[in-house]
Amino acid sequence: MVQSQPPQDEGKIQSPSRQDQDEIRWTAKVLGMASDFYVNTEGAGQEASKTTSTVNTGLAVGGSLLGSFTAAGAGILAKSRENDFISWDETRTVALNKKKKTVTVTRTSLVFPIRLYCTDEKYEQVAKFIRQHVDNALVKE
């Protein structure tokens, strides 16, 4: 009878910092609204907070009820951009702005870039991560 070998990782403690190496997440306020931003080995993205999502929904519904196509359209457009992601494979440029603590990721199609608003504490960490994981030809400083 052949006995199965135990997995090689058995008994080893997995490092909790592994996720930190593959992804960085943070929350920042932009125009008084909080959004979650992240970069990982696949790309960069943003996710609207629940409050921001509620405001966008209210704008779309309120504009419709009041007969304001402009307000309704603005709310619908904002709802459509609440959660966005650009993979590094479809990236044209990554602009790092140390002074403003922002990272702007532009798609190859040049449509709907993502701007990541970093906190003072996260900017250097995010910039370092991007320099390590993104083709240097795409990174502009």
Protein backbone atom coordinates (compact mmCIF):
# COMPACT_ATOMS: atom_id res chain seq x y z
CA MET A 1 0.00 0.00 0.00
CA VAL A 2 1.39 3.40 -1.04
CA GLN A 3 1.11 6.14 1.55
CA SER A 4 0.48 9.66 0.35
CA GLN A 5 3.07 12.24 1.23
CA PRO A 6 1.96 15.23 3.31
CA PRO A 7 1.90 18.56 1.47
CA GLN A 8 5.23 20.37 1.50
CA ASP A 9 3.66 23.44 3.15
CA GLU A 10 2.23 21.51 6.07
CA GLY A 11 3.32 22.95 9.38
CA LYS A 12 4.61 26.16 7.83
CA ILE A 13 2.99 29.44 8.71
CA GLN A 14 1.96 31.48 5.68
CA SER A 15 3.11 35.07 5.81
CA PRO A 16 0.17 37.45 6.31
CA SER A 17 2.07 40.13 4.40
CA ARG A 18 1.87 38.14 1.13
CA GLN A 19 -1.32 39.98 0.12
CA ASP A 20 0.42 43.29 0.82
CA GLN A 21 3.06 42.35 -1.74
CA ASP A 22 0.46 41.54 -4.42
CA GLU A 23 -1.98 44.39 -3.78
CA ILE A 24 -2.14 47.79 -2.11
CA ARG A 25 -5.54 49.23 -1.10
CA TRP A 26 -6.42 52.57 0.45
CA THR A 27 -9.33 54.96 0.88
CA ALA A 28 -9.17 58.65 0.04
CA LYS A 29 -11.70 61.47 -0.11
CA VAL A 30 -12.14 63.31 -3.37
CA LEU A 31 -14.46 66.34 -3.30
CA GLY A 32 -15.75 65.15 0.06
CA MET A 33 -16.65 61.67 -1.20
CA ALA A 34 -14.68 58.60 -0.15
CA SER A 35 -13.48 56.09 -2.72
CA ASP A 36 -11.41 52.96 -2.45
CA PHE A 37 -8.36 52.72 -4.71
CA TYR A 38 -6.04 49.80 -5.38
CA VAL A 39 -3.13 48.55 -7.44
CA ASN A 40 -2.25 44.91 -7.81
CA THR A 41 -0.18 42.71 -10.08
CA GLU A 42 -3.05 42.67 -12.61
CA GLY A 43 -3.75 46.42 -12.84
CA ALA A 44 -5.24 49.45 -11.09
CA GLY A 45 -8.77 50.31 -10.05
CA GLN A 46 -11.20 52.29 -7.99
CA GLU A 47 -14.43 51.48 -6.20
CA ALA A 48 -16.96 54.02 -4.99
CA SER A 49 -17.92 53.98 -1.34
CA LYS A 50 -21.48 53.20 -0.35
CA THR A 51 -22.16 56.89 0.34
CA THR A 52 -20.86 57.93 -3.07
CA SER A 53 -22.95 55.25 -4.75
CA THR A 54 -26.06 56.44 -2.88
CA VAL A 55 -25.45 60.05 -3.95
CA ASN A 56 -25.02 58.98 -7.59
CA THR A 57 -28.24 56.97 -7.47
CA GLY A 58 -30.06 59.91 -5.87
CA LEU A 59 -28.81 62.24 -8.59
CA ALA A 60 -29.99 59.91 -11.35
CA VAL A 61 -33.40 59.28 -9.77
CA GLY A 62 -33.91 62.87 -8.60
CA GLY A 63 -32.98 64.26 -12.00
CA SER A 64 -35.43 61.89 -13.67
CA LEU A 65 -38.26 62.78 -11.28
CA LEU A 66 -37.63 66.49 -11.72
CA GLY A 67 -37.45 66.17 -15.49
CA SER A 68 -33.83 67.29 -15.64
CA PHE A 69 -32.14 65.16 -18.26
CA THR A 70 -28.83 66.84 -17.45
CA ALA A 71 -28.94 65.83 -13.77
CA ALA A 72 -30.26 62.36 -14.58
CA GLY A 73 -27.56 61.85 -17.21
CA ALA A 74 -24.84 63.04 -14.85
CA GLY A 75 -26.06 60.59 -12.20
CA ILE A 76 -26.20 57.71 -14.66
CA LEU A 77 -22.73 58.52 -15.99
CA ALA A 78 -21.36 58.69 -12.44
CA LYS A 79 -23.02 55.33 -11.62
CA SER A 80 -21.41 53.74 -14.66
CA ARG A 81 -17.94 54.86 -13.51
CA GLU A 82 -18.27 53.92 -9.84
CA ASN A 83 -16.12 50.81 -10.19
CA ASP A 84 -13.39 50.83 -12.79
CA PHE A 85 -10.31 48.77 -13.50
CA ILE A 86 -7.51 48.94 -16.08
CA SER A 87 -5.22 45.96 -16.49
CA TRP A 88 -1.53 46.64 -17.03
CA ASP A 89 -1.84 44.83 -20.40
CA GLU A 90 -4.26 47.48 -21.69
CA THR A 91 -2.34 50.45 -20.25
CA ARG A 92 -0.86 53.15 -22.47
CA THR A 93 0.78 55.25 -19.72
CA VAL A 94 1.03 55.50 -15.94
CA ALA A 95 1.69 59.08 -14.84
CA LEU A 96 3.06 59.53 -11.32
CA ASN A 97 2.56 62.99 -9.83
CA LYS A 98 4.45 63.23 -6.55
CA LYS A 99 3.37 66.82 -5.89
CA LYS A 100 -0.36 66.04 -6.16
CA LYS A 101 0.02 62.46 -4.83
CA THR A 102 -1.86 61.06 -7.83
CA VAL A 103 -1.38 58.22 -10.28
CA THR A 104 -3.14 58.47 -13.63
CA VAL A 105 -3.54 55.25 -15.61
CA THR A 106 -4.50 55.73 -19.26
CA ARG A 107 -5.90 52.97 -21.46
CA THR A 108 -4.45 52.24 -24.89
CA SER A 109 -7.79 53.42 -26.30
CA LEU A 110 -7.34 56.76 -24.42
CA VAL A 111 -10.95 56.45 -23.19
CA PHE A 112 -11.79 56.87 -19.49
CA PRO A 113 -8.45 57.00 -17.69
CA ILE A 114 -8.39 56.28 -13.96
CA ARG A 115 -6.91 58.72 -11.49
CA LEU A 116 -5.83 57.22 -8.20
CA TYR A 117 -5.77 59.77 -5.39
CA CYS A 118 -3.19 58.59 -2.88
CA THR A 119 -2.90 59.54 0.74
CA ASP A 120 0.41 61.03 1.85
CA GLU A 121 1.27 57.73 3.53
CA LYS A 122 0.46 55.55 0.50
CA TYR A 123 1.88 57.51 -2.45
CA GLU A 124 5.50 56.34 -2.17
CA GLN A 125 4.41 52.75 -1.55
CA VAL A 126 2.11 52.82 -4.61
CA ALA A 127 4.75 54.48 -6.81
CA LYS A 128 7.33 51.86 -5.78
CA PHE A 129 4.85 49.05 -6.47
CA ILE A 130 4.14 50.45 -9.94
CA ARG A 131 7.83 50.81 -10.75
CA GLN A 132 8.31 47.15 -9.81
CA HIS A 133 5.29 45.69 -11.61
CA VAL A 134 4.68 47.87 -14.66
CA ASP A 135 6.81 48.13 -17.81
CA ASN A 136 9.14 51.09 -17.20
CA ALA A 137 8.45 52.38 -20.73
CA LEU A 138 4.87 53.13 -19.64
CA VAL A 139 5.73 55.00 -16.43
CA LYS A 140 6.00 58.79 -16.67
CA GLU A 141 7.21 60.86 -13.73
